[in-house]
Amino acid sequence: METYDISASSPPRNQVLPEWVAFVLRRLLFIAGVAFAIVYFYIFGLRLLINSATVGRPVSAWELAGPALEETVDFFNDALRGNLSYVVRDLLVETYLPSGRLLLTAIGMAAVLGVVAGGLAAAWRHSPLALPTLTLTVIGISIPSFFLALLLQVADIRFYQRTGVGLFPVYGISLRRTESLLPQVVAPALVLAARPLAHITRVTFVSLSEVLERDFIRTARAKGLGPTVVFWRHALRNAGIPILTAVVVSLRFGLGSLPVVELFFTWPGLGQAMLEAIYQGQVWMVAALGLSLGVTFLLITLLLDLVYRWIDPRLREVGEGSGP
């Protein structure tokens, strides 16, 4: 008599929530813990900085650790109850959208140009163009944001001296002049996109170069498919996950460079507000601004993980029973 094993296809009886819901809950708990750590280290570090600048007996770091923990708990108590000061809330609202606009513009530019440049370099990987492309990516990742911004400003000044025309405003940016918003965002977005562009280009080149050497690409070519169809429909699709990961990881580069770029170009965003708050010793303001940047990155990473699981069902099996 033929028997069937139904245990492999039926879900476990003790599974109360769907796997993706449990995954999201685990990640949200992880994000909550990281958010607490972000606020704590911002408060602890700034209190330590303020203490080192005061006249009198300096307080050791161990003596500040306990009060910083209590202040972190007070911060979250007030935040959850909506009792943060109006100054903190208003500044978050006023600066978050300009920073998000600048960051999305830079990452969008880096993603489009990086995929195109890396794809062309991978398609012509046996030509002399591949090595200069990879060399430029190393330079792009290594160059500091403030130095690139300074070079861009010098180039604009030299161009203005010769032609009498400024390419774009490099300081004194005002988002209230909506008719000139595009020229104002070009310079800071270019500087902010430099490292993400280099990273995405290099990952795209490496991923596509590996995919283009696989057997199914040779089979597609043998069937008579054109190079464009093979490249965009088959090769790029199979290299999509590493490239998508590179785009999100490059967001970390953008967040790290955001304060310097905003301060250099006087862009009215989170980064500039954070540096000004650090200079003025506004501890809770710094913690709130840093928390908004950190949680934004963590939530985008969570969204990316969900997209991964939707694209590749095998990741759902790998993720079962694992931590965040």
C-alpha atoms as a PDB file:
ATOM      1  CA  MET A   1       0.000   0.000   0.000  1.00  0.00           C
ATOM      2  CA  GLU A   2       1.413   3.386  -1.039  1.00  0.00           C
ATOM      3  CA  THR A   3       1.803   5.944   1.761  1.00  0.00           C
ATOM      4  CA  TYR A   4       2.317   9.699   1.684  1.00  0.00           C
ATOM      5  CA  ASP A   5       4.280  11.858   4.066  1.00  0.00           C
ATOM      6  CA  ILE A   6       2.207  14.978   4.647  1.00  0.00           C
ATOM      7  CA  SER A   7       4.468  16.373   7.370  1.00  0.00           C
ATOM      8  CA  ALA A   8       6.818  17.923   4.831  1.00  0.00           C
ATOM      9  CA  SER A   9       4.108  19.997   3.164  1.00  0.00           C
ATOM     10  CA  SER A  10       1.978  20.933   6.167  1.00  0.00           C
ATOM     11  CA  PRO A  11       3.072  23.836   8.406  1.00  0.00           C
ATOM     12  CA  PRO A  12       4.098  23.108  11.996  1.00  0.00           C
ATOM     13  CA  ARG A  13       1.199  23.071  14.436  1.00  0.00           C
ATOM     14  CA  ASN A  14       2.968  25.281  16.936  1.00  0.00           C
ATOM     15  CA  GLN A  15       3.522  28.057  14.392  1.00  0.00           C
ATOM     16  CA  VAL A  16       1.190  30.822  15.585  1.00  0.00           C
ATOM     17  CA  LEU A  17       2.384  33.633  13.298  1.00  0.00           C
ATOM     18  CA  PRO A  18       3.435  33.524   9.653  1.00  0.00           C
ATOM     19  CA  GLU A  19       7.173  33.351   9.182  1.00  0.00           C
ATOM     20  CA  TRP A  20       7.499  36.843   7.728  1.00  0.00           C
ATOM     21  CA  VAL A  21       5.493  38.386  10.581  1.00  0.00           C
ATOM     22  CA  ALA A  22       7.745  36.701  13.145  1.00  0.00           C
ATOM     23  CA  PHE A  23      10.763  37.906  11.185  1.00  0.00           C
ATOM     24  CA  VAL A  24       9.496  41.507  11.191  1.00  0.00           C
ATOM     25  CA  LEU A  25       8.783  41.362  14.932  1.00  0.00           C
ATOM     26  CA  ARG A  26      12.285  40.053  15.634  1.00  0.00           C
ATOM     27  CA  ARG A  27      13.807  42.809  13.545  1.00  0.00           C
ATOM     28  CA  LEU A  28      11.688  45.491  15.204  1.00  0.00           C
ATOM     29  CA  LEU A  29      12.884  44.306  18.607  1.00  0.00           C
ATOM     30  CA  PHE A  30      16.430  44.438  17.298  1.00  0.00           C
ATOM     31  CA  ILE A  31      15.851  47.981  15.971  1.00  0.00           C
ATOM     32  CA  ALA A  32      14.465  49.034  19.355  1.00  0.00           C
ATOM     33  CA  GLY A  33      17.613  47.775  21.082  1.00  0.00           C
ATOM     34  CA  VAL A  34      19.885  49.501  18.582  1.00  0.00           C
ATOM     35  CA  ALA A  35      17.880  52.729  18.930  1.00  0.00           C
ATOM     36  CA  PHE A  36      18.404  52.646  22.699  1.00  0.00           C
ATOM     37  CA  ALA A  37      22.137  52.109  22.173  1.00  0.00           C
ATOM     38  CA  ILE A  38      22.317  54.981  19.665  1.00  0.00           C
ATOM     39  CA  VAL A  39      20.742  57.451  22.074  1.00  0.00           C
ATOM     40  CA  TYR A  40      22.839  56.205  24.989  1.00  0.00           C
ATOM     41  CA  PHE A  41      26.165  56.582  23.205  1.00  0.00           C
ATOM     42  CA  TYR A  42      25.217  59.998  21.838  1.00  0.00           C
ATOM     43  CA  ILE A  43      24.301  61.207  25.327  1.00  0.00           C
ATOM     44  CA  PHE A  44      27.298  59.547  26.968  1.00  0.00           C
ATOM     45  CA  GLY A  45      29.750  60.843  24.361  1.00  0.00           C
ATOM     46  CA  LEU A  46      28.450  64.393  24.417  1.00  0.00           C
ATOM     47  CA  ARG A  47      28.362  64.504  28.227  1.00  0.00           C
ATOM     48  CA  LEU A  48      31.946  63.260  28.231  1.00  0.00           C
ATOM     49  CA  LEU A  49      32.892  65.953  25.727  1.00  0.00           C
ATOM     50  CA  ILE A  50      31.205  68.688  27.752  1.00  0.00           C
ATOM     51  CA  ASN A  51      32.825  67.425  30.962  1.00  0.00           C
ATOM     52  CA  SER A  52      36.307  67.501  29.427  1.00  0.00           C
ATOM     53  CA  ALA A  53      35.815  71.161  28.497  1.00  0.00           C
ATOM     54  CA  THR A  54      34.667  72.289  31.954  1.00  0.00           C
ATOM     55  CA  VAL A  55      36.994  73.874  34.469  1.00  0.00           C
ATOM     56  CA  GLY A  56      37.483  71.957  37.702  1.00  0.00           C
ATOM     57  CA  ARG A  57      37.801  68.320  38.669  1.00  0.00           C
ATOM     58  CA  PRO A  58      37.144  66.180  35.584  1.00  0.00           C
ATOM     59  CA  VAL A  59      34.667  63.355  36.008  1.00  0.00           C
ATOM     60  CA  SER A  60      35.764  59.935  34.792  1.00  0.00           C
ATOM     61  CA  ALA A  61      33.907  58.068  32.083  1.00  0.00           C
ATOM     62  CA  TRP A  62      32.717  55.452  34.593  1.00  0.00           C
ATOM     63  CA  GLU A  63      31.084  58.171  36.680  1.00  0.00           C
ATOM     64  CA  LEU A  64      29.181  59.428  33.625  1.00  0.00           C
ATOM     65  CA  ALA A  65      28.000  55.995  32.450  1.00  0.00           C
ATOM     66  CA  GLY A  66      25.249  55.672  35.061  1.00  0.00           C
ATOM     67  CA  PRO A  67      23.770  59.174  34.670  1.00  0.00           C
ATOM     68  CA  ALA A  68      23.892  58.780  30.890  1.00  0.00           C
ATOM     69  CA  LEU A  69      21.843  55.579  31.176  1.00  0.00           C
ATOM     70  CA  GLU A  70      19.267  57.314  33.372  1.00  0.00           C
ATOM     71  CA  GLU A  71      19.102  60.229  30.937  1.00  0.00           C
ATOM     72  CA  THR A  72      18.566  57.795  28.056  1.00  0.00           C
ATOM     73  CA  VAL A  73      15.617  56.218  29.868  1.00  0.00           C
ATOM     74  CA  ASP A  74      14.187  59.690  30.535  1.00  0.00           C
ATOM     75  CA  PHE A  75      14.636  60.568  26.859  1.00  0.00           C
ATOM     76  CA  PHE A  76      12.599  57.576  25.676  1.00  0.00           C
ATOM     77  CA  ASN A  77       9.963  58.110  28.364  1.00  0.00           C
ATOM     78  CA  ASP A  78       9.413  61.663  27.152  1.00  0.00           C
ATOM     79  CA  ALA A  79       9.580  60.616  23.497  1.00  0.00           C
ATOM     80  CA  LEU A  80       6.967  57.856  23.908  1.00  0.00           C
ATOM     81  CA  ARG A  81       4.669  60.213  25.801  1.00  0.00           C
ATOM     82  CA  GLY A  82       5.136  62.999  23.260  1.00  0.00           C
ATOM     83  CA  ASN A  83       6.756  65.267  25.830  1.00  0.00           C
ATOM     84  CA  LEU A  84       9.868  66.188  23.857  1.00  0.00           C
ATOM     85  CA  SER A  85      10.369  69.926  23.661  1.00  0.00           C
ATOM     86  CA  TYR A  86       8.778  71.831  20.826  1.00  0.00           C
ATOM     87  CA  VAL A  87      12.240  72.903  19.671  1.00  0.00           C
ATOM     88  CA  VAL A  88      13.339  69.290  19.137  1.00  0.00           C
ATOM     89  CA  ARG A  89      10.134  68.261  17.368  1.00  0.00           C
ATOM     90  CA  ASP A  90      10.012  71.332  15.152  1.00  0.00           C
ATOM     91  CA  LEU A  91      13.663  70.974  14.182  1.00  0.00           C
ATOM     92  CA  LEU A  92      13.156  67.308  13.295  1.00  0.00           C
ATOM     93  CA  VAL A  93      10.224  68.190  11.050  1.00  0.00           C
ATOM     94  CA  GLU A  94      12.067  71.084   9.401  1.00  0.00           C
ATOM     95  CA  THR A  95      15.333  69.243   8.734  1.00  0.00           C
ATOM     96  CA  TYR A  96      14.304  65.634   8.035  1.00  0.00           C
ATOM     97  CA  LEU A  97      12.635  66.282   4.675  1.00  0.00           C
ATOM     98  CA  PRO A  98      15.487  68.419   3.234  1.00  0.00           C
ATOM     99  CA  SER A  99      18.025  65.781   4.284  1.00  0.00           C
ATOM    100  CA  GLY A 100      15.869  63.008   2.851  1.00  0.00           C
ATOM    101  CA  ARG A 101      15.484  64.902  -0.408  1.00  0.00           C
ATOM    102  CA  LEU A 102      19.225  65.427  -0.704  1.00  0.00           C
ATOM    103  CA  LEU A 103      20.052  61.849   0.265  1.00  0.00           C
ATOM    104  CA  LEU A 104      17.519  60.297  -2.124  1.00  0.00           C
ATOM    105  CA  THR A 105      18.766  62.496  -4.959  1.00  0.00           C
ATOM    106  CA  ALA A 106      22.364  61.458  -4.323  1.00  0.00           C
ATOM    107  CA  ILE A 107      21.584  57.742  -3.954  1.00  0.00           C
ATOM    108  CA  GLY A 108      19.341  57.835  -7.036  1.00  0.00           C
ATOM    109  CA  MET A 109      22.107  59.421  -9.100  1.00  0.00           C
ATOM    110  CA  ALA A 110      24.649  56.948  -7.748  1.00  0.00           C
ATOM    111  CA  ALA A 111      22.404  53.937  -8.425  1.00  0.00           C
ATOM    112  CA  VAL A 112      21.611  54.864 -12.031  1.00  0.00           C
ATOM    113  CA  LEU A 113      25.117  55.957 -12.986  1.00  0.00           C
ATOM    114  CA  GLY A 114      26.749  53.139 -11.014  1.00  0.00           C
ATOM    115  CA  VAL A 115      24.704  50.373 -12.644  1.00  0.00           C
ATOM    116  CA  VAL A 116      25.287  51.842 -16.107  1.00  0.00           C
ATOM    117  CA  ALA A 117      29.025  52.379 -15.585  1.00  0.00           C
ATOM    118  CA  GLY A 118      29.545  49.011 -13.898  1.00  0.00           C
ATOM    119  CA  GLY A 119      27.443  47.258 -16.537  1.00  0.00           C
ATOM    120  CA  LEU A 120      29.382  48.779 -19.414  1.00  0.00           C
ATOM    121  CA  ALA A 121      32.680  47.938 -17.721  1.00  0.00           C
ATOM    122  CA  ALA A 122      31.512  44.336 -17.218  1.00  0.00           C
ATOM    123  CA  ALA A 123      30.359  44.047 -20.832  1.00  0.00           C
ATOM    124  CA  TRP A 124      33.753  45.346 -21.967  1.00  0.00           C
ATOM    125  CA  ARG A 125      35.696  43.646 -19.186  1.00  0.00           C
ATOM    126  CA  HIS A 126      38.331  42.346 -21.623  1.00  0.00           C
ATOM    127  CA  SER A 127      38.914  45.816 -23.081  1.00  0.00           C
ATOM    128  CA  PRO A 128      41.290  48.526 -21.789  1.00  0.00           C
ATOM    129  CA  LEU A 129      38.304  50.441 -20.323  1.00  0.00           C
ATOM    130  CA  ALA A 130      37.801  48.048 -17.393  1.00  0.00           C
ATOM    131  CA  LEU A 131      40.965  48.942 -15.469  1.00  0.00           C
ATOM    132  CA  PRO A 132      40.437  52.745 -15.509  1.00  0.00           C
ATOM    133  CA  THR A 133      36.855  52.224 -14.325  1.00  0.00           C
ATOM    134  CA  LEU A 134      37.972  50.161 -11.332  1.00  0.00           C
ATOM    135  CA  THR A 135      40.732  52.669 -10.594  1.00  0.00           C
ATOM    136  CA  LEU A 136      38.187  55.488 -10.490  1.00  0.00           C
ATOM    137  CA  THR A 137      36.027  53.479  -8.077  1.00  0.00           C
ATOM    138  CA  VAL A 138      38.962  53.119  -5.674  1.00  0.00           C
ATOM    139  CA  ILE A 139      39.572  56.872  -5.839  1.00  0.00           C
ATOM    140  CA  GLY A 140      35.870  57.597  -5.370  1.00  0.00           C
ATOM    141  CA  ILE A 141      35.633  55.461  -2.245  1.00  0.00           C
ATOM    142  CA  SER A 142      38.856  56.832  -0.764  1.00  0.00           C
ATOM    143  CA  ILE A 143      38.434  60.575  -1.310  1.00  0.00           C
ATOM    144  CA  PRO A 144      36.991  62.455   1.700  1.00  0.00           C
ATOM    145  CA  SER A 145      33.734  64.301   1.181  1.00  0.00           C
ATOM    146  CA  PHE A 146      35.039  67.653   2.423  1.00  0.00           C
ATOM    147  CA  PHE A 147      38.004  67.486   0.025  1.00  0.00           C
ATOM    148  CA  LEU A 148      35.760  66.682  -2.927  1.00  0.00           C
ATOM    149  CA  ALA A 149      33.437  69.528  -1.940  1.00  0.00           C
ATOM    150  CA  LEU A 150      36.420  71.874  -1.769  1.00  0.00           C
ATOM    151  CA  LEU A 151      37.587  70.793  -5.238  1.00  0.00           C
ATOM    152  CA  LEU A 152      34.098  71.336  -6.612  1.00  0.00           C
ATOM    153  CA  GLN A 153      33.945  74.804  -5.099  1.00  0.00           C
ATOM    154  CA  VAL A 154      37.359  75.746  -6.500  1.00  0.00           C
ATOM    155  CA  ALA A 155      36.350  74.466  -9.947  1.00  0.00           C
ATOM    156  CA  ASP A 156      33.165  76.526  -9.864  1.00  0.00           C
ATOM    157  CA  ILE A 157      35.075  79.660  -8.826  1.00  0.00           C
ATOM    158  CA  ARG A 158      37.652  79.188 -11.607  1.00  0.00           C
ATOM    159  CA  PHE A 159      34.891  78.637 -14.160  1.00  0.00           C
ATOM    160  CA  TYR A 160      33.128  81.786 -12.976  1.00  0.00           C
ATOM    161  CA  GLN A 161      36.330  83.828 -13.223  1.00  0.00           C
ATOM    162  CA  ARG A 162      36.829  82.772 -16.840  1.00  0.00           C
ATOM    163  CA  THR A 163      33.261  82.861 -18.128  1.00  0.00           C
ATOM    164  CA  GLY A 164      31.345  85.033 -15.670  1.00  0.00           C
ATOM    165  CA  VAL A 165      28.809  82.226 -15.204  1.00  0.00           C
ATOM    166  CA  GLY A 166      28.439  80.142 -12.052  1.00  0.00           C
ATOM    167  CA  LEU A 167      27.638  76.492 -12.616  1.00  0.00           C
ATOM    168  CA  PHE A 168      25.650  76.150  -9.404  1.00  0.00           C
ATOM    169  CA  PRO A 169      25.438  77.765  -5.963  1.00  0.00           C
ATOM    170  CA  VAL A 170      27.983  76.225  -3.623  1.00  0.00           C
ATOM    171  CA  TYR A 171      26.960  78.087  -0.465  1.00  0.00           C
ATOM    172  CA  GLY A 172      24.072  80.097   0.908  1.00  0.00           C
ATOM    173  CA  ILE A 173      21.436  77.556  -0.135  1.00  0.00           C
ATOM    174  CA  SER A 174      17.810  78.451   0.605  1.00  0.00           C
ATOM    175  CA  LEU A 175      15.070  75.898   0.044  1.00  0.00           C
ATOM    176  CA  ARG A 176      12.461  78.634   0.080  1.00  0.00           C
ATOM    177  CA  ARG A 177      13.421  79.573  -3.479  1.00  0.00           C
ATOM    178  CA  THR A 178      11.644  76.641  -5.066  1.00  0.00           C
ATOM    179  CA  GLU A 179      12.216  77.887  -8.612  1.00  0.00           C
ATOM    180  CA  SER A 180      15.992  77.411  -8.190  1.00  0.00           C
ATOM    181  CA  LEU A 181      15.903  74.212  -6.152  1.00  0.00           C
ATOM    182  CA  LEU A 182      17.439  71.997  -8.856  1.00  0.00           C
ATOM    183  CA  PRO A 183      20.650  74.046  -9.288  1.00  0.00           C
ATOM    184  CA  GLN A 184      21.010  74.233  -5.510  1.00  0.00           C
ATOM    185  CA  VAL A 185      20.825  70.479  -5.009  1.00  0.00           C
ATOM    186  CA  VAL A 186      23.327  69.595  -7.762  1.00  0.00           C
ATOM    187  CA  ALA A 187      26.570  70.405  -5.939  1.00  0.00           C
ATOM    188  CA  PRO A 188      25.825  68.724  -2.570  1.00  0.00           C
ATOM    189  CA  ALA A 189      24.214  65.758  -4.327  1.00  0.00           C
ATOM    190  CA  LEU A 190      27.291  65.240  -6.505  1.00  0.00           C
ATOM    191  CA  VAL A 191      29.597  65.251  -3.489  1.00  0.00           C
ATOM    192  CA  LEU A 192      27.273  63.012  -1.488  1.00  0.00           C
ATOM    193  CA  ALA A 193      26.927  60.572  -4.407  1.00  0.00           C
ATOM    194  CA  ALA A 194      30.669  60.112  -4.985  1.00  0.00           C
ATOM    195  CA  ARG A 195      31.326  57.223  -2.590  1.00  0.00           C
ATOM    196  CA  PRO A 196      27.991  55.448  -3.244  1.00  0.00           C
ATOM    197  CA  LEU A 197      28.614  55.760  -6.992  1.00  0.00           C
ATOM    198  CA  ALA A 198      32.053  54.191  -6.681  1.00  0.00           C
ATOM    199  CA  HIS A 199      30.757  51.368  -4.480  1.00  0.00           C
ATOM    200  CA  ILE A 200      27.771  50.543  -6.708  1.00  0.00           C
ATOM    201  CA  THR A 201      29.924  50.651  -9.846  1.00  0.00           C
ATOM    202  CA  ARG A 202      32.450  48.214  -8.413  1.00  0.00           C
ATOM    203  CA  VAL A 203      29.828  45.769  -7.102  1.00  0.00           C
ATOM    204  CA  THR A 204      27.939  45.907 -10.412  1.00  0.00           C
ATOM    205  CA  PHE A 205      31.127  45.215 -12.335  1.00  0.00           C
ATOM    206  CA  VAL A 206      32.130  42.252 -10.167  1.00  0.00           C
ATOM    207  CA  SER A 207      28.634  40.716 -10.050  1.00  0.00           C
ATOM    208  CA  LEU A 208      27.941  41.063 -13.764  1.00  0.00           C
ATOM    209  CA  SER A 209      31.412  39.838 -14.728  1.00  0.00           C
ATOM    210  CA  GLU A 210      30.748  36.653 -12.768  1.00  0.00           C
ATOM    211  CA  VAL A 211      27.234  36.182 -14.176  1.00  0.00           C
ATOM    212  CA  LEU A 212      28.346  36.765 -17.772  1.00  0.00           C
ATOM    213  CA  GLU A 213      30.699  33.777 -17.511  1.00  0.00           C
ATOM    214  CA  ARG A 214      27.989  31.300 -16.487  1.00  0.00           C
ATOM    215  CA  ASP A 215      26.610  28.546 -18.671  1.00  0.00           C
ATOM    216  CA  PHE A 216      23.071  29.891 -19.000  1.00  0.00           C
ATOM    217  CA  ILE A 217      24.457  33.093 -20.550  1.00  0.00           C
ATOM    218  CA  ARG A 218      26.311  31.033 -23.149  1.00  0.00           C
ATOM    219  CA  THR A 219      23.110  29.079 -23.783  1.00  0.00           C
ATOM    220  CA  ALA A 220      21.139  32.291 -24.288  1.00  0.00           C
ATOM    221  CA  ARG A 221      23.716  33.512 -26.771  1.00  0.00           C
ATOM    222  CA  ALA A 222      23.698  30.171 -28.564  1.00  0.00           C
ATOM    223  CA  LYS A 223      19.921  30.466 -29.012  1.00  0.00           C
ATOM    224  CA  GLY A 224      20.446  33.643 -30.998  1.00  0.00           C
ATOM    225  CA  LEU A 225      19.486  36.249 -28.402  1.00  0.00           C
ATOM    226  CA  GLY A 226      21.061  39.640 -28.951  1.00  0.00           C
ATOM    227  CA  PRO A 227      23.698  41.071 -26.604  1.00  0.00           C
ATOM    228  CA  THR A 228      21.299  43.696 -25.263  1.00  0.00           C
ATOM    229  CA  VAL A 229      18.612  41.139 -24.387  1.00  0.00           C
ATOM    230  CA  VAL A 230      21.151  38.786 -22.812  1.00  0.00           C
ATOM    231  CA  PHE A 231      22.692  41.567 -20.768  1.00  0.00           C
ATOM    232  CA  TRP A 232      19.629  43.391 -19.469  1.00  0.00           C
ATOM    233  CA  ARG A 233      17.091  40.573 -19.249  1.00  0.00           C
ATOM    234  CA  HIS A 234      19.257  37.671 -18.069  1.00  0.00           C
ATOM    235  CA  ALA A 235      22.601  38.864 -16.691  1.00  0.00           C
ATOM    236  CA  LEU A 236      21.449  41.964 -14.825  1.00  0.00           C
ATOM    237  CA  ARG A 237      18.434  40.158 -13.395  1.00  0.00           C
ATOM    238  CA  ASN A 238      20.592  37.410 -11.883  1.00  0.00           C
ATOM    239  CA  ALA A 239      23.038  39.955 -10.474  1.00  0.00           C
ATOM    240  CA  GLY A 240      20.220  42.018  -8.986  1.00  0.00           C
ATOM    241  CA  ILE A 241      20.538  41.011  -5.319  1.00  0.00           C
ATOM    242  CA  PRO A 242      24.217  42.021  -4.893  1.00  0.00           C
ATOM    243  CA  ILE A 243      23.558  45.281  -6.729  1.00  0.00           C
ATOM    244  CA  LEU A 244      20.488  46.012  -4.611  1.00  0.00           C
ATOM    245  CA  THR A 245      22.545  45.290  -1.501  1.00  0.00           C
ATOM    246  CA  ALA A 246      25.226  47.687  -2.721  1.00  0.00           C
ATOM    247  CA  VAL A 247      22.636  50.441  -3.172  1.00  0.00           C
ATOM    248  CA  VAL A 248      21.408  50.063   0.411  1.00  0.00           C
ATOM    249  CA  VAL A 249      24.919  49.709   1.833  1.00  0.00           C
ATOM    250  CA  SER A 250      25.891  52.884  -0.021  1.00  0.00           C
ATOM    251  CA  LEU A 251      23.177  54.605   1.977  1.00  0.00           C
ATOM    252  CA  ARG A 252      25.475  54.143   4.965  1.00  0.00           C
ATOM    253  CA  PHE A 253      28.184  56.092   3.135  1.00  0.00           C
ATOM    254  CA  GLY A 254      25.666  58.826   2.417  1.00  0.00           C
ATOM    255  CA  LEU A 255      24.528  59.046   6.030  1.00  0.00           C
ATOM    256  CA  GLY A 256      28.127  59.210   7.206  1.00  0.00           C
ATOM    257  CA  SER A 257      28.986  62.050   4.831  1.00  0.00           C
ATOM    258  CA  LEU A 258      25.703  63.917   5.287  1.00  0.00           C
ATOM    259  CA  PRO A 259      26.745  66.203   8.201  1.00  0.00           C
ATOM    260  CA  VAL A 260      29.952  67.327   6.475  1.00  0.00           C
ATOM    261  CA  VAL A 261      28.262  67.938   3.115  1.00  0.00           C
ATOM    262  CA  GLU A 262      25.360  69.834   4.661  1.00  0.00           C
ATOM    263  CA  LEU A 263      27.674  71.984   6.747  1.00  0.00           C
ATOM    264  CA  PHE A 264      29.944  72.753   3.794  1.00  0.00           C
ATOM    265  CA  PHE A 265      27.084  73.767   1.492  1.00  0.00           C
ATOM    266  CA  THR A 266      24.933  75.216   4.328  1.00  0.00           C
ATOM    267  CA  TRP A 267      22.173  72.786   3.431  1.00  0.00           C
ATOM    268  CA  PRO A 268      19.402  73.127   6.067  1.00  0.00           C
ATOM    269  CA  GLY A 269      19.167  69.469   7.027  1.00  0.00           C
ATOM    270  CA  LEU A 270      19.731  67.001   9.838  1.00  0.00           C
ATOM    271  CA  GLY A 271      23.494  66.867   9.468  1.00  0.00           C
ATOM    272  CA  GLN A 272      24.056  70.597   9.758  1.00  0.00           C
ATOM    273  CA  ALA A 273      21.576  70.845  12.632  1.00  0.00           C
ATOM    274  CA  MET A 274      23.380  68.011  14.444  1.00  0.00           C
ATOM    275  CA  LEU A 275      26.790  69.653  14.154  1.00  0.00           C
ATOM    276  CA  GLU A 276      25.371  72.955  15.381  1.00  0.00           C
ATOM    277  CA  ALA A 277      23.679  71.175  18.307  1.00  0.00           C
ATOM    278  CA  ILE A 278      26.961  69.456  19.215  1.00  0.00           C
ATOM    279  CA  TYR A 279      28.744  72.809  19.159  1.00  0.00           C
ATOM    280  CA  GLN A 280      26.063  74.316  21.425  1.00  0.00           C
ATOM    281  CA  GLY A 281      26.008  71.305  23.778  1.00  0.00           C
ATOM    282  CA  GLN A 282      22.310  70.486  23.221  1.00  0.00           C
ATOM    283  CA  VAL A 283      22.435  66.854  24.282  1.00  0.00           C
ATOM    284  CA  TRP A 284      18.853  65.779  23.646  1.00  0.00           C
ATOM    285  CA  MET A 285      18.790  67.583  20.315  1.00  0.00           C
ATOM    286  CA  VAL A 286      21.860  65.652  19.176  1.00  0.00           C
ATOM    287  CA  ALA A 287      20.366  62.378  20.420  1.00  0.00           C
ATOM    288  CA  ALA A 288      17.072  62.978  18.593  1.00  0.00           C
ATOM    289  CA  LEU A 289      18.770  63.881  15.311  1.00  0.00           C
ATOM    290  CA  GLY A 290      21.175  60.944  15.511  1.00  0.00           C
ATOM    291  CA  LEU A 291      18.324  58.600  16.382  1.00  0.00           C
ATOM    292  CA  SER A 292      16.341  59.699  13.326  1.00  0.00           C
ATOM    293  CA  LEU A 293      19.295  58.973  11.034  1.00  0.00           C
ATOM    294  CA  GLY A 294      20.013  55.588  12.607  1.00  0.00           C
ATOM    295  CA  VAL A 295      16.408  54.381  12.650  1.00  0.00           C
ATOM    296  CA  THR A 296      15.964  55.469   9.035  1.00  0.00           C
ATOM    297  CA  PHE A 297      18.872  53.278   7.969  1.00  0.00           C
ATOM    298  CA  LEU A 298      17.632  50.326  10.047  1.00  0.00           C
ATOM    299  CA  LEU A 299      14.097  50.537   8.632  1.00  0.00           C
ATOM    300  CA  ILE A 300      15.414  50.686   5.072  1.00  0.00           C
ATOM    301  CA  THR A 301      17.530  47.611   5.813  1.00  0.00           C
ATOM    302  CA  LEU A 302      14.442  45.815   7.130  1.00  0.00           C
ATOM    303  CA  LEU A 303      12.537  46.714   3.970  1.00  0.00           C
ATOM    304  CA  LEU A 304      15.417  45.378   1.887  1.00  0.00           C
ATOM    305  CA  ASP A 305      15.367  42.063   3.775  1.00  0.00           C
ATOM    306  CA  LEU A 306      11.650  41.713   3.053  1.00  0.00           C
ATOM    307  CA  VAL A 307      12.304  42.388  -0.631  1.00  0.00           C
ATOM    308  CA  TYR A 308      15.018  39.715  -0.563  1.00  0.00           C
ATOM    309  CA  ARG A 309      12.598  37.158   0.820  1.00  0.00           C
ATOM    310  CA  TRP A 310      10.036  38.068  -1.793  1.00  0.00           C
ATOM    311  CA  ILE A 311      12.559  37.776  -4.650  1.00  0.00           C
ATOM    312  CA  ASP A 312      14.286  34.600  -3.434  1.00  0.00           C
ATOM    313  CA  PRO A 313      12.047  32.201  -1.417  1.00  0.00           C
ATOM    314  CA  ARG A 314      15.123  30.204  -0.379  1.00  0.00           C
ATOM    315  CA  LEU A 315      16.029  32.990   2.046  1.00  0.00           C
ATOM    316  CA  ARG A 316      12.824  32.333   3.982  1.00  0.00           C
ATOM    317  CA  GLU A 317      14.029  28.834   4.832  1.00  0.00           C
ATOM    318  CA  VAL A 318      17.481  30.110   5.751  1.00  0.00           C
ATOM    319  CA  GLY A 319      15.988  32.819   7.958  1.00  0.00           C
ATOM    320  CA  GLU A 320      13.722  30.516   9.948  1.00  0.00           C
ATOM    321  CA  GLY A 321      14.939  30.154  13.484  1.00  0.00           C
ATOM    322  CA  SER A 322      17.767  32.633  13.008  1.00  0.00           C
ATOM    323  CA  GLY A 323      18.266  35.918  14.751  1.00  0.00           C
ATOM    324  CA  PRO A 324      18.056  39.381  13.238  1.00  0.00           C
END
